[in-house]
């Protein structure tokens, strides 16, 4: 098991309720970590932003490149998000304190115009 995948090593309470043929929790964790690592590796100046949980969504980790392009994935909690960012050697910020960078809003605006 890689160091990154160990961050998501919580075992589900049980497998009940998962549809037959659905990816396992371990597969989902692996896919999330691979996605984040690939995004960080293939973009320039990537920074990590921790988004706190809300009533509708769990804690998420958002990676934002210098172009403003971004990706977001669920993580177990803020501690796990910080560990992922550390393993990927990315600076990490809490959006409660820093907000989102302007380059992300600019990128979103350009995408909507397309």
PDB file of N, CA and C in Angstrom:
ATOM      1  N   UNK A   1       0.854  -1.174   0.000  1.00  0.00           N
ATOM      2  CA  UNK A   1       0.000   0.000   0.000  1.00  0.00           C
ATOM      3  C   UNK A   1       0.898   1.235   0.000  1.00  0.00           C
ATOM      4  N   UNK A   2       0.622   2.188  -0.890  1.00  0.00           N
ATOM      5  CA  UNK A   2       1.451   3.387  -0.955  1.00  0.00           C
ATOM      6  C   UNK A   2       1.175   4.290   0.243  1.00  0.00           C
ATOM      7  N   UNK A   3       2.095   5.218   0.468  1.00  0.00           N
ATOM      8  CA  UNK A   3       1.925   6.141   1.593  1.00  0.00           C
ATOM      9  C   UNK A   3       0.671   6.975   1.423  1.00  0.00           C
ATOM     10  N   UNK A   4       0.372   7.389   0.173  1.00  0.00           N
ATOM     11  CA  UNK A   4      -0.833   8.178  -0.046  1.00  0.00           C
ATOM     12  C   UNK A   4      -2.085   7.366   0.233  1.00  0.00           C
ATOM     13  N   UNK A   5      -2.121   6.126  -0.209  1.00  0.00           N
ATOM     14  CA  UNK A   5      -3.329   5.330   0.002  1.00  0.00           C
ATOM     15  C   UNK A   5      -3.549   5.025   1.476  1.00  0.00           C
ATOM     16  N   UNK A   6      -2.495   5.034   2.289  1.00  0.00           N
ATOM     17  CA  UNK A   6      -2.654   4.808   3.713  1.00  0.00           C
ATOM     18  C   UNK A   6      -3.445   5.927   4.371  1.00  0.00           C
ATOM     19  N   UNK A   7      -3.466   7.100   3.778  1.00  0.00           N
ATOM     20  CA  UNK A   7      -4.194   8.231   4.347  1.00  0.00           C
ATOM     21  C   UNK A   7      -5.692   7.979   4.345  1.00  0.00           C
ATOM     22  N   UNK A   8      -6.142   7.147   3.443  1.00  0.00           N
ATOM     23  CA  UNK A   8      -7.554   6.862   3.321  1.00  0.00           C
ATOM     24  C   UNK A   8      -7.849   5.439   3.785  1.00  0.00           C
ATOM     25  N   UNK A   9      -7.180   4.989   4.808  1.00  0.00           N
ATOM     26  CA  UNK A   9      -7.254   3.586   5.195  1.00  0.00           C
ATOM     27  C   UNK A   9      -8.425   3.250   6.111  1.00  0.00           C
ATOM     28  N   UNK A  10      -9.351   4.149   6.307  1.00  0.00           N
ATOM     29  CA  UNK A  10     -10.505   3.829   7.128  1.00  0.00           C
ATOM     30  C   UNK A  10     -11.312   2.730   6.463  1.00  0.00           C
ATOM     31  N   UNK A  11     -11.687   1.764   7.249  1.00  0.00           N
ATOM     32  CA  UNK A  11     -12.492   0.677   6.711  1.00  0.00           C
ATOM     33  C   UNK A  11     -13.966   1.048   6.841  1.00  0.00           C
ATOM     34  N   UNK A  12     -14.768   0.733   5.825  1.00  0.00           N
ATOM     35  CA  UNK A  12     -16.193   1.014   5.952  1.00  0.00           C
ATOM     36  C   UNK A  12     -16.801   0.160   7.058  1.00  0.00           C
ATOM     37  N   UNK A  13     -17.870   0.653   7.650  1.00  0.00           N
ATOM     38  CA  UNK A  13     -18.530  -0.085   8.724  1.00  0.00           C
ATOM     39  C   UNK A  13     -18.982  -1.448   8.231  1.00  0.00           C
ATOM     40  N   UNK A  14     -19.546  -1.490   7.029  1.00  0.00           N
ATOM     41  CA  UNK A  14     -19.888  -2.764   6.401  1.00  0.00           C
ATOM     42  C   UNK A  14     -20.102  -2.510   4.916  1.00  0.00           C
ATOM     43  N   UNK A  15     -20.205  -3.559   4.167  1.00  0.00           N
ATOM     44  CA  UNK A  15     -20.370  -3.424   2.727  1.00  0.00           C
ATOM     45  C   UNK A  15     -21.824  -3.351   2.313  1.00  0.00           C
ATOM     46  N   UNK A  16     -22.745  -3.367   3.263  1.00  0.00           N
ATOM     47  CA  UNK A  16     -24.167  -3.367   2.936  1.00  0.00           C
ATOM     48  C   UNK A  16     -24.551  -2.096   2.200  1.00  0.00           C
ATOM     49  N   UNK A  17     -25.434  -2.243   1.243  1.00  0.00           N
ATOM     50  CA  UNK A  17     -25.941  -1.084   0.525  1.00  0.00           C
ATOM     51  C   UNK A  17     -25.170  -0.765  -0.730  1.00  0.00           C
ATOM     52  N   UNK A  18     -23.992  -1.341  -0.915  1.00  0.00           N
ATOM     53  CA  UNK A  18     -23.213  -1.082  -2.126  1.00  0.00           C
ATOM     54  C   UNK A  18     -23.763  -1.950  -3.246  1.00  0.00           C
ATOM     55  N   UNK A  19     -24.043  -1.352  -4.411  1.00  0.00           N
ATOM     56  CA  UNK A  19     -24.572  -2.139  -5.514  1.00  0.00           C
ATOM     57  C   UNK A  19     -23.555  -3.179  -5.975  1.00  0.00           C
ATOM     58  N   UNK A  20     -24.050  -4.287  -6.469  1.00  0.00           N
ATOM     59  CA  UNK A  20     -23.172  -5.333  -6.990  1.00  0.00           C
ATOM     60  C   UNK A  20     -22.343  -4.769  -8.129  1.00  0.00           C
ATOM     61  N   UNK A  21     -21.058  -5.085  -8.126  1.00  0.00           N
ATOM     62  CA  UNK A  21     -20.177  -4.594  -9.187  1.00  0.00           C
ATOM     63  C   UNK A  21     -19.659  -3.181  -8.964  1.00  0.00           C
ATOM     64  N   UNK A  22     -20.087  -2.516  -7.890  1.00  0.00           N
ATOM     65  CA  UNK A  22     -19.602  -1.160  -7.603  1.00  0.00           C
ATOM     66  C   UNK A  22     -18.148  -1.244  -7.161  1.00  0.00           C
ATOM     67  N   UNK A  23     -17.347  -0.187  -7.461  1.00  0.00           N
ATOM     68  CA  UNK A  23     -15.949  -0.212  -7.031  1.00  0.00           C
ATOM     69  C   UNK A  23     -15.857  -0.269  -5.509  1.00  0.00           C
ATOM     70  N   UNK A  24     -14.853  -0.961  -5.027  1.00  0.00           N
ATOM     71  CA  UNK A  24     -14.666  -1.049  -3.580  1.00  0.00           C
ATOM     72  C   UNK A  24     -14.196   0.296  -3.045  1.00  0.00           C
ATOM     73  N   UNK A  25     -14.303   0.455  -1.743  1.00  0.00           N
ATOM     74  CA  UNK A  25     -13.827   1.684  -1.107  1.00  0.00           C
ATOM     75  C   UNK A  25     -12.341   1.872  -1.370  1.00  0.00           C
ATOM     76  N   UNK A  26     -11.580   0.789  -1.320  1.00  0.00           N
ATOM     77  CA  UNK A  26     -10.137   0.875  -1.590  1.00  0.00           C
ATOM     78  C   UNK A  26      -9.886   1.336  -3.024  1.00  0.00           C
ATOM     79  N   UNK A  27     -10.679   0.824  -3.956  1.00  0.00           N
ATOM     80  CA  UNK A  27     -10.532   1.248  -5.358  1.00  0.00           C
ATOM     81  C   UNK A  27     -10.871   2.728  -5.517  1.00  0.00           C
ATOM     82  N   UNK A  28     -11.907   3.175  -4.825  1.00  0.00           N
ATOM     83  CA  UNK A  28     -12.293   4.589  -4.886  1.00  0.00           C
ATOM     84  C   UNK A  28     -11.194   5.479  -4.316  1.00  0.00           C
ATOM     85  N   UNK A  29     -10.611   5.057  -3.183  1.00  0.00           N
ATOM     86  CA  UNK A  29      -9.519   5.829  -2.581  1.00  0.00           C
ATOM     87  C   UNK A  29      -8.339   5.904  -3.530  1.00  0.00           C
ATOM     88  N   UNK A  30      -7.981   4.766  -4.100  1.00  0.00           N
ATOM     89  CA  UNK A  30      -6.854   4.707  -5.025  1.00  0.00           C
ATOM     90  C   UNK A  30      -7.100   5.629  -6.229  1.00  0.00           C
ATOM     91  N   UNK A  31      -8.308   5.594  -6.761  1.00  0.00           N
ATOM     92  CA  UNK A  31      -8.639   6.442  -7.907  1.00  0.00           C
ATOM     93  C   UNK A  31      -8.553   7.921  -7.545  1.00  0.00           C
ATOM     94  N   UNK A  32      -9.024   8.275  -6.358  1.00  0.00           N
ATOM     95  CA  UNK A  32      -8.954   9.669  -5.905  1.00  0.00           C
ATOM     96  C   UNK A  32      -7.504  10.123  -5.791  1.00  0.00           C
ATOM     97  N   UNK A  33      -6.688   9.320  -5.145  1.00  0.00           N
ATOM     98  CA  UNK A  33      -5.286   9.680  -4.957  1.00  0.00           C
ATOM     99  C   UNK A  33      -4.542   9.755  -6.288  1.00  0.00           C
ATOM    100  N   UNK A  34      -4.822   8.822  -7.184  1.00  0.00           N
ATOM    101  CA  UNK A  34      -4.182   8.849  -8.506  1.00  0.00           C
ATOM    102  C   UNK A  34      -4.595  10.094  -9.274  1.00  0.00           C
ATOM    103  N   UNK A  35      -5.864  10.449  -9.190  1.00  0.00           N
ATOM    104  CA  UNK A  35      -6.351  11.643  -9.887  1.00  0.00           C
ATOM    105  C   UNK A  35      -5.647  12.899  -9.377  1.00  0.00           C
ATOM    106  N   UNK A  36      -5.587  13.049  -8.058  1.00  0.00           N
ATOM    107  CA  UNK A  36      -4.952  14.236  -7.481  1.00  0.00           C
ATOM    108  C   UNK A  36      -3.460  14.290  -7.826  1.00  0.00           C
ATOM    109  N   UNK A  37      -2.786  13.155  -7.723  1.00  0.00           N
ATOM    110  CA  UNK A  37      -1.356  13.106  -8.046  1.00  0.00           C
ATOM    111  C   UNK A  37      -1.126  13.433  -9.519  1.00  0.00           C
ATOM    112  N   UNK A  38      -1.968  12.914 -10.398  1.00  0.00           N
ATOM    113  CA  UNK A  38      -1.834  13.182 -11.831  1.00  0.00           C
ATOM    114  C   UNK A  38      -2.065  14.660 -12.128  1.00  0.00           C
ATOM    115  N   UNK A  39      -3.074  15.242 -11.504  1.00  0.00           N
ATOM    116  CA  UNK A  39      -3.352  16.667 -11.710  1.00  0.00           C
ATOM    117  C   UNK A  39      -2.148  17.499 -11.277  1.00  0.00           C
ATOM    118  N   UNK A  40      -1.612  17.213 -10.103  1.00  0.00           N
ATOM    119  CA  UNK A  40      -0.468  17.968  -9.584  1.00  0.00           C
ATOM    120  C   UNK A  40       0.768  17.792 -10.458  1.00  0.00           C
ATOM    121  N   UNK A  41       0.956  16.598 -10.992  1.00  0.00           N
ATOM    122  CA  UNK A  41       2.130  16.291 -11.804  1.00  0.00           C
ATOM    123  C   UNK A  41       2.054  16.938 -13.197  1.00  0.00           C
ATOM    124  N   UNK A  42       0.857  17.123 -13.718  1.00  0.00           N
ATOM    125  CA  UNK A  42       0.704  17.580 -15.099  1.00  0.00           C
ATOM    126  C   UNK A  42       0.327  19.049 -15.231  1.00  0.00           C
ATOM    127  N   UNK A  43       0.283  19.770 -14.127  1.00  0.00           N
ATOM    128  CA  UNK A  43       0.008  21.212 -14.159  1.00  0.00           C
ATOM    129  C   UNK A  43       1.130  21.959 -13.447  1.00  0.00           C
ATOM    130  N   UNK A  44       1.206  23.252 -13.722  1.00  0.00           N
ATOM    131  CA  UNK A  44       2.239  24.104 -13.126  1.00  0.00           C
ATOM    132  C   UNK A  44       1.665  24.871 -11.947  1.00  0.00           C
ATOM    133  N   UNK A  45       2.466  24.992 -10.895  1.00  0.00           N
ATOM    134  CA  UNK A  45       2.119  25.850  -9.765  1.00  0.00           C
ATOM    135  C   UNK A  45       0.868  25.447  -9.010  1.00  0.00           C
ATOM    136  N   UNK A  46       0.644  24.162  -8.847  1.00  0.00           N
ATOM    137  CA  UNK A  46      -0.573  23.680  -8.194  1.00  0.00           C
ATOM    138  C   UNK A  46      -0.509  23.949  -6.692  1.00  0.00           C
ATOM    139  N   UNK A  47      -1.633  24.428  -6.167  1.00  0.00           N
ATOM    140  CA  UNK A  47      -1.794  24.648  -4.730  1.00  0.00           C
ATOM    141  C   UNK A  47      -3.022  23.873  -4.274  1.00  0.00           C
ATOM    142  N   UNK A  48      -3.020  23.478  -3.009  1.00  0.00           N
ATOM    143  CA  UNK A  48      -4.129  22.718  -2.438  1.00  0.00           C
ATOM    144  C   UNK A  48      -4.957  23.616  -1.527  1.00  0.00           C
ATOM    145  N   UNK A  49      -6.271  23.472  -1.623  1.00  0.00           N
ATOM    146  CA  UNK A  49      -7.205  24.231  -0.785  1.00  0.00           C
ATOM    147  C   UNK A  49      -8.154  23.254  -0.116  1.00  0.00           C
ATOM    148  N   UNK A  50      -8.228  23.340   1.206  1.00  0.00           N
ATOM    149  CA  UNK A  50      -9.133  22.480   1.962  1.00  0.00           C
ATOM    150  C   UNK A  50     -10.467  23.198   2.104  1.00  0.00           C
ATOM    151  N   UNK A  51     -11.525  22.487   1.689  1.00  0.00           N
ATOM    152  CA  UNK A  51     -12.877  23.023   1.832  1.00  0.00           C
ATOM    153  C   UNK A  51     -13.559  22.268   2.970  1.00  0.00           C
ATOM    154  N   UNK A  52     -14.080  22.987   3.952  1.00  0.00           N
ATOM    155  CA  UNK A  52     -14.683  22.319   5.109  1.00  0.00           C
ATOM    156  C   UNK A  52     -15.985  21.622   4.732  1.00  0.00           C
ATOM    157  N   UNK A  53     -16.398  20.671   5.552  1.00  0.00           N
ATOM    158  CA  UNK A  53     -17.671  20.002   5.271  1.00  0.00           C
ATOM    159  C   UNK A  53     -18.841  20.959   5.469  1.00  0.00           C
ATOM    160  N   UNK A  54     -19.902  20.702   4.736  1.00  0.00           N
ATOM    161  CA  UNK A  54     -21.155  21.448   4.906  1.00  0.00           C
ATOM    162  C   UNK A  54     -22.247  20.429   5.192  1.00  0.00           C
ATOM    163  N   UNK A  55     -23.473  20.899   5.295  1.00  0.00           N
ATOM    164  CA  UNK A  55     -24.591  19.965   5.496  1.00  0.00           C
ATOM    165  C   UNK A  55     -24.757  19.028   4.305  1.00  0.00           C
ATOM    166  N   UNK A  56     -24.346  19.473   3.119  1.00  0.00           N
ATOM    167  CA  UNK A  56     -24.557  18.699   1.903  1.00  0.00           C
ATOM    168  C   UNK A  56     -23.323  17.964   1.397  1.00  0.00           C
ATOM    169  N   UNK A  57     -22.132  18.428   1.760  1.00  0.00           N
ATOM    170  CA  UNK A  57     -20.913  17.822   1.211  1.00  0.00           C
ATOM    171  C   UNK A  57     -19.891  17.559   2.316  1.00  0.00           C
ATOM    172  N   UNK A  58     -19.090  16.523   2.131  1.00  0.00           N
ATOM    173  CA  UNK A  58     -18.018  16.248   3.106  1.00  0.00           C
ATOM    174  C   UNK A  58     -16.833  17.179   2.857  1.00  0.00           C
ATOM    175  N   UNK A  59     -15.794  17.038   3.652  1.00  0.00           N
ATOM    176  CA  UNK A  59     -14.555  17.779   3.435  1.00  0.00           C
ATOM    177  C   UNK A  59     -14.028  17.447   2.048  1.00  0.00           C
ATOM    178  N   UNK A  60     -13.555  18.459   1.340  1.00  0.00           N
ATOM    179  CA  UNK A  60     -12.986  18.228   0.019  1.00  0.00           C
ATOM    180  C   UNK A  60     -11.620  18.894  -0.074  1.00  0.00           C
ATOM    181  N   UNK A  61     -10.813  18.372  -0.986  1.00  0.00           N
ATOM    182  CA  UNK A  61      -9.507  18.946  -1.285  1.00  0.00           C
ATOM    183  C   UNK A  61      -9.559  19.420  -2.724  1.00  0.00           C
ATOM    184  N   UNK A  62      -9.301  20.694  -2.923  1.00  0.00           N
ATOM    185  CA  UNK A  62      -9.321  21.288  -4.251  1.00  0.00           C
ATOM    186  C   UNK A  62      -7.893  21.628  -4.638  1.00  0.00           C
ATOM    187  N   UNK A  63      -7.475  21.202  -5.816  1.00  0.00           N
ATOM    188  CA  UNK A  63      -6.167  21.564  -6.348  1.00  0.00           C
ATOM    189  C   UNK A  63      -6.386  22.585  -7.442  1.00  0.00           C
ATOM    190  N   UNK A  64      -5.607  23.675  -7.388  1.00  0.00           N
ATOM    191  CA  UNK A  64      -5.755  24.762  -8.353  1.00  0.00           C
ATOM    192  C   UNK A  64      -4.389  25.078  -8.957  1.00  0.00           C
ATOM    193  N   UNK A  65      -4.326  25.051 -10.292  1.00  0.00           N
ATOM    194  CA  UNK A  65      -3.089  25.346 -11.013  1.00  0.00           C
ATOM    195  C   UNK A  65      -2.964  26.857 -11.235  1.00  0.00           C
ATOM    196  N   UNK A  66      -1.793  27.296 -11.711  1.00  0.00           N
ATOM    197  CA  UNK A  66      -1.587  28.726 -11.960  1.00  0.00           C
ATOM    198  C   UNK A  66      -2.511  29.249 -13.044  1.00  0.00           C
ATOM    199  N   UNK A  67      -2.972  28.376 -13.941  1.00  0.00           N
ATOM    200  CA  UNK A  67      -3.909  28.781 -14.996  1.00  0.00           C
ATOM    201  C   UNK A  67      -5.305  29.016 -14.446  1.00  0.00           C
ATOM    202  N   UNK A  68      -5.566  28.537 -13.238  1.00  0.00           N
ATOM    203  CA  UNK A  68      -6.891  28.623 -12.647  1.00  0.00           C
ATOM    204  C   UNK A  68      -7.676  27.332 -12.797  1.00  0.00           C
ATOM    205  N   UNK A  69      -7.171  26.416 -13.627  1.00  0.00           N
ATOM    206  CA  UNK A  69      -7.826  25.118 -13.768  1.00  0.00           C
ATOM    207  C   UNK A  69      -7.807  24.423 -12.409  1.00  0.00           C
ATOM    208  N   UNK A  70      -8.873  23.706 -12.106  1.00  0.00           N
ATOM    209  CA  UNK A  70      -8.959  23.094 -10.791  1.00  0.00           C
ATOM    210  C   UNK A  70      -9.629  21.732 -10.851  1.00  0.00           C
ATOM    211  N   UNK A  71      -9.445  20.988  -9.777  1.00  0.00           N
ATOM    212  CA  UNK A  71     -10.131  19.719  -9.571  1.00  0.00           C
ATOM    213  C   UNK A  71     -10.433  19.599  -8.093  1.00  0.00           C
ATOM    214  N   UNK A  72     -11.466  18.830  -7.777  1.00  0.00           N
ATOM    215  CA  UNK A  72     -11.894  18.688  -6.378  1.00  0.00           C
ATOM    216  C   UNK A  72     -12.241  17.232  -6.124  1.00  0.00           C
ATOM    217  N   UNK A  73     -11.843  16.745  -4.953  1.00  0.00           N
ATOM    218  CA  UNK A  73     -12.173  15.388  -4.553  1.00  0.00           C
ATOM    219  C   UNK A  73     -12.483  15.352  -3.060  1.00  0.00           C
ATOM    220  N   UNK A  74     -13.379  14.453  -2.682  1.00  0.00           N
ATOM    221  CA  UNK A  74     -13.711  14.258  -1.261  1.00  0.00           C
ATOM    222  C   UNK A  74     -12.536  13.611  -0.540  1.00  0.00           C
ATOM    223  N   UNK A  75     -12.362  13.994   0.711  1.00  0.00           N
ATOM    224  CA  UNK A  75     -11.356  13.392   1.582  1.00  0.00           C
ATOM    225  C   UNK A  75     -12.025  13.132   2.934  1.00  0.00           C
ATOM    226  N   UNK A  76     -11.460  12.241   3.731  1.00  0.00           N
ATOM    227  CA  UNK A  76     -12.099  11.930   5.021  1.00  0.00           C
ATOM    228  C   UNK A  76     -12.235  13.138   5.949  1.00  0.00           C
ATOM    229  N   UNK A  77     -11.186  13.973   6.002  1.00  0.00           N
ATOM    230  CA  UNK A  77     -11.201  15.125   6.894  1.00  0.00           C
ATOM    231  C   UNK A  77     -10.044  16.053   6.537  1.00  0.00           C
ATOM    232  N   UNK A  78      -9.956  17.178   7.233  1.00  0.00           N
ATOM    233  CA  UNK A  78      -8.915  18.175   6.950  1.00  0.00           C
ATOM    234  C   UNK A  78      -7.513  17.618   7.207  1.00  0.00           C
ATOM    235  N   UNK A  79      -7.383  16.778   8.209  1.00  0.00           N
ATOM    236  CA  UNK A  79      -6.068  16.187   8.506  1.00  0.00           C
ATOM    237  C   UNK A  79      -5.589  15.339   7.326  1.00  0.00           C
ATOM    238  N   UNK A  80      -6.470  14.532   6.769  1.00  0.00           N
ATOM    239  CA  UNK A  80      -6.112  13.708   5.608  1.00  0.00           C
ATOM    240  C   UNK A  80      -5.790  14.593   4.406  1.00  0.00           C
ATOM    241  N   UNK A  81      -6.529  15.682   4.241  1.00  0.00           N
ATOM    242  CA  UNK A  81      -6.275  16.604   3.136  1.00  0.00           C
ATOM    243  C   UNK A  81      -4.876  17.210   3.252  1.00  0.00           C
ATOM    244  N   UNK A  82      -4.502  17.605   4.454  1.00  0.00           N
ATOM    245  CA  UNK A  82      -3.160  18.163   4.668  1.00  0.00           C
ATOM    246  C   UNK A  82      -2.075  17.131   4.371  1.00  0.00           C
ATOM    247  N   UNK A  83      -2.315  15.890   4.763  1.00  0.00           N
ATOM    248  CA  UNK A  83      -1.335  14.833   4.507  1.00  0.00           C
ATOM    249  C   UNK A  83      -1.188  14.566   3.012  1.00  0.00           C
ATOM    250  N   UNK A  84      -2.297  14.585   2.282  1.00  0.00           N
ATOM    251  CA  UNK A  84      -2.229  14.399   0.825  1.00  0.00           C
ATOM    252  C   UNK A  84      -1.423  15.528   0.203  1.00  0.00           C
ATOM    253  N   UNK A  85      -1.719  16.767   0.582  1.00  0.00           N
ATOM    254  CA  UNK A  85      -0.985  17.917   0.050  1.00  0.00           C
ATOM    255  C   UNK A  85       0.499  17.818   0.385  1.00  0.00           C
ATOM    256  N   UNK A  86       0.810  17.397   1.593  1.00  0.00           N
ATOM    257  CA  UNK A  86       2.209  17.237   1.998  1.00  0.00           C
ATOM    258  C   UNK A  86       2.903  16.177   1.141  1.00  0.00           C
ATOM    259  N   UNK A  87       2.250  15.056   0.945  1.00  0.00           N
ATOM    260  CA  UNK A  87       2.830  13.983   0.132  1.00  0.00           C
ATOM    261  C   UNK A  87       3.039  14.430  -1.312  1.00  0.00           C
ATOM    262  N   UNK A  88       2.139  15.262  -1.813  1.00  0.00           N
ATOM    263  CA  UNK A  88       2.265  15.774  -3.182  1.00  0.00           C
ATOM    264  C   UNK A  88       3.182  17.002  -3.248  1.00  0.00           C
ATOM    265  N   UNK A  89       3.694  17.405  -2.095  1.00  0.00           N
ATOM    266  CA  UNK A  89       4.584  18.554  -1.967  1.00  0.00           C
ATOM    267  C   UNK A  89       3.931  19.831  -2.505  1.00  0.00           C
ATOM    268  N   UNK A  90       2.686  20.054  -2.070  1.00  0.00           N
ATOM    269  CA  UNK A  90       1.933  21.233  -2.484  1.00  0.00           C
ATOM    270  C   UNK A  90       1.697  22.146  -1.292  1.00  0.00           C
ATOM    271  N   UNK A  91       1.743  23.461  -1.511  1.00  0.00           N
ATOM    272  CA  UNK A  91       1.321  24.354  -0.436  1.00  0.00           C
ATOM    273  C   UNK A  91      -0.175  24.142  -0.196  1.00  0.00           C
ATOM    274  N   UNK A  92      -0.579  24.226   1.051  1.00  0.00           N
ATOM    275  CA  UNK A  92      -1.979  23.955   1.380  1.00  0.00           C
ATOM    276  C   UNK A  92      -2.571  25.123   2.150  1.00  0.00           C
ATOM    277  N   UNK A  93      -3.811  25.462   1.805  1.00  0.00           N
ATOM    278  CA  UNK A  93      -4.517  26.586   2.414  1.00  0.00           C
ATOM    279  C   UNK A  93      -5.904  26.133   2.839  1.00  0.00           C
ATOM    280  N   UNK A  94      -6.460  26.833   3.800  1.00  0.00           N
ATOM    281  CA  UNK A  94      -7.828  26.581   4.254  1.00  0.00           C
ATOM    282  C   UNK A  94      -8.693  27.697   3.680  1.00  0.00           C
ATOM    283  N   UNK A  95      -9.700  27.347   2.875  1.00  0.00           N
ATOM    284  CA  UNK A  95     -10.509  28.385   2.226  1.00  0.00           C
ATOM    285  C   UNK A  95     -11.277  29.234   3.228  1.00  0.00           C
ATOM    286  N   UNK A  96     -11.472  28.739   4.448  1.00  0.00           N
ATOM    287  CA  UNK A  96     -12.114  29.576   5.465  1.00  0.00           C
ATOM    288  C   UNK A  96     -11.277  30.804   5.788  1.00  0.00           C
ATOM    289  N   UNK A  97      -9.960  30.688   5.620  1.00  0.00           N
ATOM    290  CA  UNK A  97      -9.063  31.779   5.958  1.00  0.00           C
ATOM    291  C   UNK A  97      -8.572  32.542   4.738  1.00  0.00           C
ATOM    292  N   UNK A  98      -8.376  31.846   3.621  1.00  0.00           N
ATOM    293  CA  UNK A  98      -7.782  32.498   2.449  1.00  0.00           C
ATOM    294  C   UNK A  98      -8.777  32.821   1.348  1.00  0.00           C
ATOM    295  N   UNK A  99      -9.897  32.136   1.321  1.00  0.00           N
ATOM    296  CA  UNK A  99     -10.809  32.250   0.184  1.00  0.00           C
ATOM    297  C   UNK A  99     -10.190  31.541  -1.017  1.00  0.00           C
ATOM    298  N   UNK A 100     -10.827  31.701  -2.175  1.00  0.00           N
ATOM    299  CA  UNK A 100     -10.339  31.081  -3.407  1.00  0.00           C
ATOM    300  C   UNK A 100      -9.531  32.096  -4.196  1.00  0.00           C
ATOM    301  N   UNK A 101      -8.514  31.646  -4.920  1.00  0.00           N
ATOM    302  CA  UNK A 101      -7.707  32.590  -5.699  1.00  0.00           C
ATOM    303  C   UNK A 101      -8.493  33.138  -6.903  1.00  0.00           C
ATOM    304  N   UNK A 102      -8.212  34.363  -7.248  1.00  0.00           N
ATOM    305  CA  UNK A 102      -8.884  35.019  -8.361  1.00  0.00           C
ATOM    306  C   UNK A 102      -8.698  34.241  -9.668  1.00  0.00           C
ATOM    307  N   UNK A 103      -7.544  33.630  -9.846  1.00  0.00           N
ATOM    308  CA  UNK A 103      -7.287  32.899 -11.096  1.00  0.00           C
ATOM    309  C   UNK A 103      -8.294  31.771 -11.300  1.00  0.00           C
ATOM    310  N   UNK A 104      -8.789  31.185 -10.229  1.00  0.00           N
ATOM    311  CA  UNK A 104      -9.798  30.142 -10.353  1.00  0.00           C
ATOM    312  C   UNK A 104     -11.120  30.735 -10.830  1.00  0.00           C
ATOM    313  N   UNK A 105     -11.511  31.857 -10.267  1.00  0.00           N
ATOM    314  CA  UNK A 105     -12.756  32.506 -10.697  1.00  0.00           C
ATOM    315  C   UNK A 105     -12.651  32.952 -12.149  1.00  0.00           C
ATOM    316  N   UNK A 106     -11.475  33.448 -12.552  1.00  0.00           N
ATOM    317  CA  UNK A 106     -11.272  33.855 -13.949  1.00  0.00           C
ATOM    318  C   UNK A 106     -11.382  32.650 -14.882  1.00  0.00           C
ATOM    319  N   UNK A 107     -10.793  31.537 -14.503  1.00  0.00           N
ATOM    320  CA  UNK A 107     -10.851  30.325 -15.316  1.00  0.00           C
ATOM    321  C   UNK A 107     -12.295  29.845 -15.449  1.00  0.00           C
ATOM    322  N   UNK A 108     -13.038  29.878 -14.341  1.00  0.00           N
ATOM    323  CA  UNK A 108     -14.452  29.471 -14.377  1.00  0.00           C
ATOM    324  C   UNK A 108     -15.249  30.351 -15.326  1.00  0.00           C
ATOM    325  N   UNK A 109     -15.005  31.656 -15.293  1.00  0.00           N
ATOM    326  CA  UNK A 109     -15.703  32.586 -16.184  1.00  0.00           C
ATOM    327  C   UNK A 109     -15.406  32.281 -17.650  1.00  0.00           C
ATOM    328  N   UNK A 110     -14.144  32.003 -17.959  1.00  0.00           N
ATOM    329  CA  UNK A 110     -13.777  31.653 -19.340  1.00  0.00           C
ATOM    330  C   UNK A 110     -14.449  30.383 -19.785  1.00  0.00           C
ATOM    331  N   UNK A 111     -14.550  29.399 -18.890  1.00  0.00           N
ATOM    332  CA  UNK A 111     -15.187  28.130 -19.237  1.00  0.00           C
ATOM    333  C   UNK A 111     -16.669  28.310 -19.518  1.00  0.00           C
ATOM    334  N   UNK A 112     -17.340  29.190 -18.766  1.00  0.00           N
ATOM    335  CA  UNK A 112     -18.769  29.430 -18.972  1.00  0.00           C
ATOM    336  C   UNK A 112     -19.037  30.100 -20.316  1.00  0.00           C
ATOM    337  N   UNK A 113     -18.117  30.959 -20.742  1.00  0.00           N
ATOM    338  CA  UNK A 113     -18.294  31.662 -22.022  1.00  0.00           C
ATOM    339  C   UNK A 113     -18.139  30.737 -23.214  1.00  0.00           C
ATOM    340  N   UNK A 114     -17.460  29.616 -23.035  1.00  0.00           N
ATOM    341  CA  UNK A 114     -17.233  28.682 -24.150  1.00  0.00           C
ATOM    342  C   UNK A 114     -18.470  27.978 -24.528  1.00  0.00           C
TER     343      UNK A 114
END
